[in-house]
Amino acid sequence: MLAKAAVMRSLHDGVPRARLWLVLWALTALGAREAAASPPPMLGVEARVGGGVSIAGTPNKSGLAVGALTLSVLAEYLVMEQPRVSLYGEALFETLKRGGFGLAGGVRLRPLKSGLRVGIGIVGMLTPYTHGGVSAMVGQCLSKKFLRGCLDLEGAAFVLGSDLPSNGVDGQVRLVFSVGFDAM
């Protein structure tokens, strides 16, 4: 707080811009060093909402349609610090276009300290219809104090279940917004 007041005071006192940028860079580097020194959180929780397109395909025909709106809750547990690797589990609820409940789980990797994250996993809808398959995601998170906002691009290919086109596969591509926090 005192550092911020000093920077604001220097703006009003006419300190040259080069010196001001040097002070801002030093404060940012100090904050990054302190963040790197603290251990990463062990458990994170996210509330997620996503939507996109569904892709159905058979050997003779394929088609695109607006996908269901998905609401979900995700929890992830840190298993390795460098690079940061976590396991996740997710409860999914499809709404609006159709209703359904499902589960997902997999592995997330954060290769850089920039908020970039990638993941792979399995996903399945359990009721009132079934379909299951594999999923992949890439996204970016921005953190502010204890909250983080993330935007992910996710894709899934469903190869098993009662809700697939005959002799074909079903897929989804969706954009997911999430708000999360670290529980411990």
C-alpha atoms as a PDB file:
ATOM      1  CA  MET A   1       0.000   0.000   0.000  1.00  0.00           C
ATOM      2  CA  LEU A   2       2.868   2.395   0.851  1.00  0.00           C
ATOM      3  CA  ALA A   3       4.620   1.524  -2.420  1.00  0.00           C
ATOM      4  CA  LYS A   4       1.469   2.369  -4.389  1.00  0.00           C
ATOM      5  CA  ALA A   5       1.154   5.701  -2.561  1.00  0.00           C
ATOM      6  CA  ALA A   6       4.812   6.481  -3.349  1.00  0.00           C
ATOM      7  CA  VAL A   7       4.286   5.758  -7.042  1.00  0.00           C
ATOM      8  CA  MET A   8       1.160   7.925  -7.167  1.00  0.00           C
ATOM      9  CA  ARG A   9       2.984  10.730  -5.337  1.00  0.00           C
ATOM     10  CA  SER A  10       5.872  10.512  -7.842  1.00  0.00           C
ATOM     11  CA  LEU A  11       3.417  10.925 -10.719  1.00  0.00           C
ATOM     12  CA  HIS A  12       2.219  14.200  -9.266  1.00  0.00           C
ATOM     13  CA  ASP A  13       5.715  15.433  -8.330  1.00  0.00           C
ATOM     14  CA  GLY A  14       7.008  15.249 -11.914  1.00  0.00           C
ATOM     15  CA  VAL A  15       9.450  12.316 -11.601  1.00  0.00           C
ATOM     16  CA  PRO A  16      10.748  11.400 -15.068  1.00  0.00           C
ATOM     17  CA  ARG A  17       8.876   8.558 -16.775  1.00  0.00           C
ATOM     18  CA  ALA A  18      11.980   6.350 -17.099  1.00  0.00           C
ATOM     19  CA  ARG A  19      12.486   6.372 -13.334  1.00  0.00           C
ATOM     20  CA  LEU A  20       8.786   5.688 -12.769  1.00  0.00           C
ATOM     21  CA  TRP A  21       8.897   2.661 -15.117  1.00  0.00           C
ATOM     22  CA  LEU A  22      11.978   1.381 -13.263  1.00  0.00           C
ATOM     23  CA  VAL A  23      10.118   1.629  -9.925  1.00  0.00           C
ATOM     24  CA  LEU A  24       7.034  -0.129 -11.359  1.00  0.00           C
ATOM     25  CA  TRP A  25       9.198  -2.903 -12.849  1.00  0.00           C
ATOM     26  CA  ALA A  26      10.990  -3.414  -9.503  1.00  0.00           C
ATOM     27  CA  LEU A  27       7.684  -3.633  -7.617  1.00  0.00           C
ATOM     28  CA  THR A  28       6.343  -6.156 -10.147  1.00  0.00           C
ATOM     29  CA  ALA A  29       9.512  -8.268  -9.933  1.00  0.00           C
ATOM     30  CA  LEU A  30       9.356  -8.201  -6.119  1.00  0.00           C
ATOM     31  CA  GLY A  31       5.702  -9.323  -6.194  1.00  0.00           C
ATOM     32  CA  ALA A  32       6.512 -12.144  -8.639  1.00  0.00           C
ATOM     33  CA  ARG A  33       9.416 -13.299  -6.430  1.00  0.00           C
ATOM     34  CA  GLU A  34       7.170 -13.367  -3.364  1.00  0.00           C
ATOM     35  CA  ALA A  35       4.489 -15.294  -5.284  1.00  0.00           C
ATOM     36  CA  ALA A  36       7.075 -17.808  -6.526  1.00  0.00           C
ATOM     37  CA  ALA A  37       8.409 -18.300  -2.996  1.00  0.00           C
ATOM     38  CA  SER A  38       5.001 -19.257  -1.591  1.00  0.00           C
ATOM     39  CA  PRO A  39       3.939 -22.875  -2.173  1.00  0.00           C
ATOM     40  CA  PRO A  40       1.174 -23.419  -4.721  1.00  0.00           C
ATOM     41  CA  PRO A  41      -2.272 -24.222  -3.319  1.00  0.00           C
ATOM     42  CA  MET A  42      -3.131 -27.902  -2.939  1.00  0.00           C
ATOM     43  CA  LEU A  43      -6.867 -27.723  -3.707  1.00  0.00           C
ATOM     44  CA  GLY A  44      -8.751 -25.461  -6.108  1.00  0.00           C
ATOM     45  CA  VAL A  45     -12.489 -25.161  -6.809  1.00  0.00           C
ATOM     46  CA  GLU A  46     -14.176 -23.633  -9.883  1.00  0.00           C
ATOM     47  CA  ALA A  47     -17.739 -22.761 -10.919  1.00  0.00           C
ATOM     48  CA  ARG A  48     -17.958 -23.076 -14.705  1.00  0.00           C
ATOM     49  CA  VAL A  49     -20.406 -22.196 -17.500  1.00  0.00           C
ATOM     50  CA  GLY A  50     -19.874 -23.088 -21.139  1.00  0.00           C
ATOM     51  CA  GLY A  51     -21.481 -23.378 -24.513  1.00  0.00           C
ATOM     52  CA  GLY A  52     -20.571 -24.082 -28.100  1.00  0.00           C
ATOM     53  CA  VAL A  53     -21.388 -26.382 -30.981  1.00  0.00           C
ATOM     54  CA  SER A  54     -22.142 -30.095 -31.246  1.00  0.00           C
ATOM     55  CA  ILE A  55     -20.732 -32.046 -34.143  1.00  0.00           C
ATOM     56  CA  ALA A  56     -22.372 -35.323 -35.198  1.00  0.00           C
ATOM     57  CA  GLY A  57     -20.835 -37.516 -37.832  1.00  0.00           C
ATOM     58  CA  THR A  58     -21.520 -40.752 -39.633  1.00  0.00           C
ATOM     59  CA  PRO A  59     -19.684 -42.212 -42.617  1.00  0.00           C
ATOM     60  CA  ASN A  60     -22.258 -40.634 -44.980  1.00  0.00           C
ATOM     61  CA  LYS A  61     -23.248 -37.390 -43.236  1.00  0.00           C
ATOM     62  CA  SER A  62     -22.128 -34.829 -40.672  1.00  0.00           C
ATOM     63  CA  GLY A  63     -23.743 -31.796 -39.105  1.00  0.00           C
ATOM     64  CA  LEU A  64     -23.300 -28.893 -36.729  1.00  0.00           C
ATOM     65  CA  ALA A  65     -25.799 -27.710 -34.140  1.00  0.00           C
ATOM     66  CA  VAL A  66     -25.819 -25.332 -31.200  1.00  0.00           C
ATOM     67  CA  GLY A  67     -24.725 -27.329 -28.164  1.00  0.00           C
ATOM     68  CA  ALA A  68     -26.334 -27.431 -24.747  1.00  0.00           C
ATOM     69  CA  LEU A  69     -25.425 -24.854 -22.116  1.00  0.00           C
ATOM     70  CA  THR A  70     -23.277 -26.624 -19.519  1.00  0.00           C
ATOM     71  CA  LEU A  71     -23.011 -25.663 -15.851  1.00  0.00           C
ATOM     72  CA  SER A  72     -20.401 -27.455 -13.770  1.00  0.00           C
ATOM     73  CA  VAL A  73     -18.393 -27.528 -10.570  1.00  0.00           C
ATOM     74  CA  LEU A  74     -14.761 -28.625 -10.759  1.00  0.00           C
ATOM     75  CA  ALA A  75     -12.251 -29.480  -8.038  1.00  0.00           C
ATOM     76  CA  GLU A  76      -8.554 -30.036  -8.682  1.00  0.00           C
ATOM     77  CA  TYR A  77      -5.792 -31.412  -6.477  1.00  0.00           C
ATOM     78  CA  LEU A  78      -2.098 -30.577  -6.942  1.00  0.00           C
ATOM     79  CA  VAL A  79       0.101 -33.663  -7.414  1.00  0.00           C
ATOM     80  CA  MET A  80       3.379 -32.060  -8.598  1.00  0.00           C
ATOM     81  CA  GLU A  81       4.736 -28.535  -8.104  1.00  0.00           C
ATOM     82  CA  GLN A  82       7.227 -28.071 -10.979  1.00  0.00           C
ATOM     83  CA  PRO A  83       5.810 -28.133 -13.568  1.00  0.00           C
ATOM     84  CA  ARG A  84       2.465 -27.705 -11.885  1.00  0.00           C
ATOM     85  CA  VAL A  85       0.358 -30.828 -12.484  1.00  0.00           C
ATOM     86  CA  SER A  86      -3.053 -31.456 -10.936  1.00  0.00           C
ATOM     87  CA  LEU A  87      -5.823 -34.035 -11.125  1.00  0.00           C
ATOM     88  CA  TYR A  88      -9.376 -32.788 -11.543  1.00  0.00           C
ATOM     89  CA  GLY A  89     -12.907 -34.057 -11.149  1.00  0.00           C
ATOM     90  CA  GLU A  90     -16.023 -32.294 -12.441  1.00  0.00           C
ATOM     91  CA  ALA A  91     -19.795 -32.634 -12.092  1.00  0.00           C
ATOM     92  CA  LEU A  92     -21.622 -31.459 -15.272  1.00  0.00           C
ATOM     93  CA  PHE A  93     -25.209 -30.341 -15.795  1.00  0.00           C
ATOM     94  CA  GLU A  94     -26.542 -29.763 -19.325  1.00  0.00           C
ATOM     95  CA  THR A  95     -29.361 -27.207 -19.498  1.00  0.00           C
ATOM     96  CA  LEU A  96     -31.624 -25.296 -21.920  1.00  0.00           C
ATOM     97  CA  LYS A  97     -31.442 -27.373 -25.087  1.00  0.00           C
ATOM     98  CA  ARG A  98     -31.544 -30.657 -23.172  1.00  0.00           C
ATOM     99  CA  GLY A  99     -31.084 -31.830 -19.607  1.00  0.00           C
ATOM    100  CA  GLY A 100     -28.471 -34.239 -18.355  1.00  0.00           C
ATOM    101  CA  PHE A 101     -25.977 -35.036 -15.628  1.00  0.00           C
ATOM    102  CA  GLY A 102     -22.446 -36.291 -16.128  1.00  0.00           C
ATOM    103  CA  LEU A 103     -18.938 -36.524 -14.728  1.00  0.00           C
ATOM    104  CA  ALA A 104     -15.480 -35.719 -16.041  1.00  0.00           C
ATOM    105  CA  GLY A 105     -11.949 -36.175 -14.772  1.00  0.00           C
ATOM    106  CA  GLY A 106      -8.390 -35.852 -15.951  1.00  0.00           C
ATOM    107  CA  VAL A 107      -5.021 -34.148 -15.676  1.00  0.00           C
ATOM    108  CA  ARG A 108      -4.140 -30.445 -15.977  1.00  0.00           C
ATOM    109  CA  LEU A 109      -0.690 -29.017 -16.630  1.00  0.00           C
ATOM    110  CA  ARG A 110       0.401 -25.432 -16.089  1.00  0.00           C
ATOM    111  CA  PRO A 111       3.734 -25.297 -17.906  1.00  0.00           C
ATOM    112  CA  LEU A 112       4.352 -21.580 -17.327  1.00  0.00           C
ATOM    113  CA  LYS A 113       3.637 -19.108 -14.550  1.00  0.00           C
ATOM    114  CA  SER A 114       1.607 -16.996 -16.985  1.00  0.00           C
ATOM    115  CA  GLY A 115      -1.768 -18.614 -16.251  1.00  0.00           C
ATOM    116  CA  LEU A 116      -1.712 -20.892 -19.319  1.00  0.00           C
ATOM    117  CA  ARG A 117      -3.191 -24.333 -18.671  1.00  0.00           C
ATOM    118  CA  VAL A 118      -3.753 -27.439 -20.778  1.00  0.00           C
ATOM    119  CA  GLY A 119      -5.550 -30.655 -19.915  1.00  0.00           C
ATOM    120  CA  ILE A 120      -6.741 -34.039 -21.081  1.00  0.00           C
ATOM    121  CA  GLY A 121      -9.352 -36.319 -19.595  1.00  0.00           C
ATOM    122  CA  ILE A 122     -12.459 -38.417 -19.943  1.00  0.00           C
ATOM    123  CA  VAL A 123     -16.044 -37.183 -19.912  1.00  0.00           C
ATOM    124  CA  GLY A 124     -19.365 -38.970 -19.720  1.00  0.00           C
ATOM    125  CA  MET A 125     -23.035 -38.127 -19.478  1.00  0.00           C
ATOM    126  CA  LEU A 126     -24.861 -40.579 -17.214  1.00  0.00           C
ATOM    127  CA  THR A 127     -28.543 -39.690 -17.129  1.00  0.00           C
ATOM    128  CA  PRO A 128     -31.132 -39.553 -18.771  1.00  0.00           C
ATOM    129  CA  TYR A 129     -28.984 -40.674 -21.748  1.00  0.00           C
ATOM    130  CA  THR A 130     -25.406 -41.918 -21.905  1.00  0.00           C
ATOM    131  CA  HIS A 131     -22.379 -41.010 -23.913  1.00  0.00           C
ATOM    132  CA  GLY A 132     -18.704 -41.005 -23.045  1.00  0.00           C
ATOM    133  CA  GLY A 133     -15.367 -40.186 -24.553  1.00  0.00           C
ATOM    134  CA  VAL A 134     -12.199 -38.136 -24.318  1.00  0.00           C
ATOM    135  CA  SER A 135     -11.698 -34.411 -23.844  1.00  0.00           C
ATOM    136  CA  ALA A 136      -8.915 -31.859 -24.238  1.00  0.00           C
ATOM    137  CA  MET A 137      -8.667 -28.216 -23.219  1.00  0.00           C
ATOM    138  CA  VAL A 138      -6.419 -25.183 -23.380  1.00  0.00           C
ATOM    139  CA  GLY A 139      -7.059 -21.996 -21.459  1.00  0.00           C
ATOM    140  CA  GLN A 140      -5.789 -18.894 -19.737  1.00  0.00           C
ATOM    141  CA  CYS A 141      -6.412 -17.675 -16.186  1.00  0.00           C
ATOM    142  CA  LEU A 142      -6.072 -14.246 -14.624  1.00  0.00           C
ATOM    143  CA  SER A 143      -5.839 -13.995 -10.838  1.00  0.00           C
ATOM    144  CA  LYS A 144      -6.857 -11.168  -8.547  1.00  0.00           C
ATOM    145  CA  LYS A 145      -6.201 -11.731  -4.848  1.00  0.00           C
ATOM    146  CA  PHE A 146      -7.778 -15.073  -3.966  1.00  0.00           C
ATOM    147  CA  LEU A 147     -10.090 -15.317  -7.032  1.00  0.00           C
ATOM    148  CA  ARG A 148      -9.202 -16.279 -10.573  1.00  0.00           C
ATOM    149  CA  GLY A 149     -11.141 -16.009 -13.800  1.00  0.00           C
ATOM    150  CA  CYS A 150     -10.374 -18.452 -16.604  1.00  0.00           C
ATOM    151  CA  LEU A 151     -11.397 -18.826 -20.230  1.00  0.00           C
ATOM    152  CA  ASP A 152     -10.939 -22.303 -21.743  1.00  0.00           C
ATOM    153  CA  LEU A 153     -11.479 -23.788 -25.183  1.00  0.00           C
ATOM    154  CA  GLU A 154     -12.578 -27.404 -24.756  1.00  0.00           C
ATOM    155  CA  GLY A 155     -13.186 -30.194 -27.207  1.00  0.00           C
ATOM    156  CA  ALA A 156     -14.663 -33.650 -26.664  1.00  0.00           C
ATOM    157  CA  ALA A 157     -15.191 -36.722 -28.834  1.00  0.00           C
ATOM    158  CA  PHE A 158     -17.872 -39.154 -27.675  1.00  0.00           C
ATOM    159  CA  VAL A 159     -17.468 -42.730 -28.872  1.00  0.00           C
ATOM    160  CA  LEU A 160     -19.599 -44.768 -26.418  1.00  0.00           C
ATOM    161  CA  GLY A 161     -23.212 -44.595 -25.298  1.00  0.00           C
ATOM    162  CA  SER A 162     -26.888 -44.629 -26.166  1.00  0.00           C
ATOM    163  CA  ASP A 163     -27.009 -41.031 -27.449  1.00  0.00           C
ATOM    164  CA  LEU A 164     -24.708 -41.393 -30.470  1.00  0.00           C
ATOM    165  CA  PRO A 165     -25.700 -41.368 -34.137  1.00  0.00           C
ATOM    166  CA  SER A 166     -25.786 -44.916 -35.523  1.00  0.00           C
ATOM    167  CA  ASN A 167     -22.375 -45.890 -36.939  1.00  0.00           C
ATOM    168  CA  GLY A 168     -20.920 -42.520 -35.946  1.00  0.00           C
ATOM    169  CA  VAL A 169     -19.395 -40.289 -33.339  1.00  0.00           C
ATOM    170  CA  ASP A 170     -20.518 -37.130 -31.588  1.00  0.00           C
ATOM    171  CA  GLY A 171     -18.334 -34.237 -30.556  1.00  0.00           C
ATOM    172  CA  GLN A 172     -18.422 -30.836 -28.903  1.00  0.00           C
ATOM    173  CA  VAL A 173     -16.347 -27.704 -29.096  1.00  0.00           C
ATOM    174  CA  ARG A 174     -17.173 -25.146 -26.438  1.00  0.00           C
ATOM    175  CA  LEU A 175     -15.925 -22.013 -24.770  1.00  0.00           C
ATOM    176  CA  VAL A 176     -16.011 -22.197 -20.976  1.00  0.00           C
ATOM    177  CA  PHE A 177     -15.787 -19.320 -18.483  1.00  0.00           C
ATOM    178  CA  SER A 178     -14.933 -20.176 -14.896  1.00  0.00           C
ATOM    179  CA  VAL A 179     -14.446 -18.410 -11.592  1.00  0.00           C
ATOM    180  CA  GLY A 180     -12.312 -20.244  -9.068  1.00  0.00           C
ATOM    181  CA  PHE A 181     -10.492 -19.965  -5.795  1.00  0.00           C
ATOM    182  CA  ASP A 182      -7.908 -21.947  -3.866  1.00  0.00           C
ATOM    183  CA  ALA A 183      -9.461 -23.817  -0.962  1.00  0.00           C
ATOM    184  CA  MET A 184      -6.175 -24.805   0.730  1.00  0.00           C
END
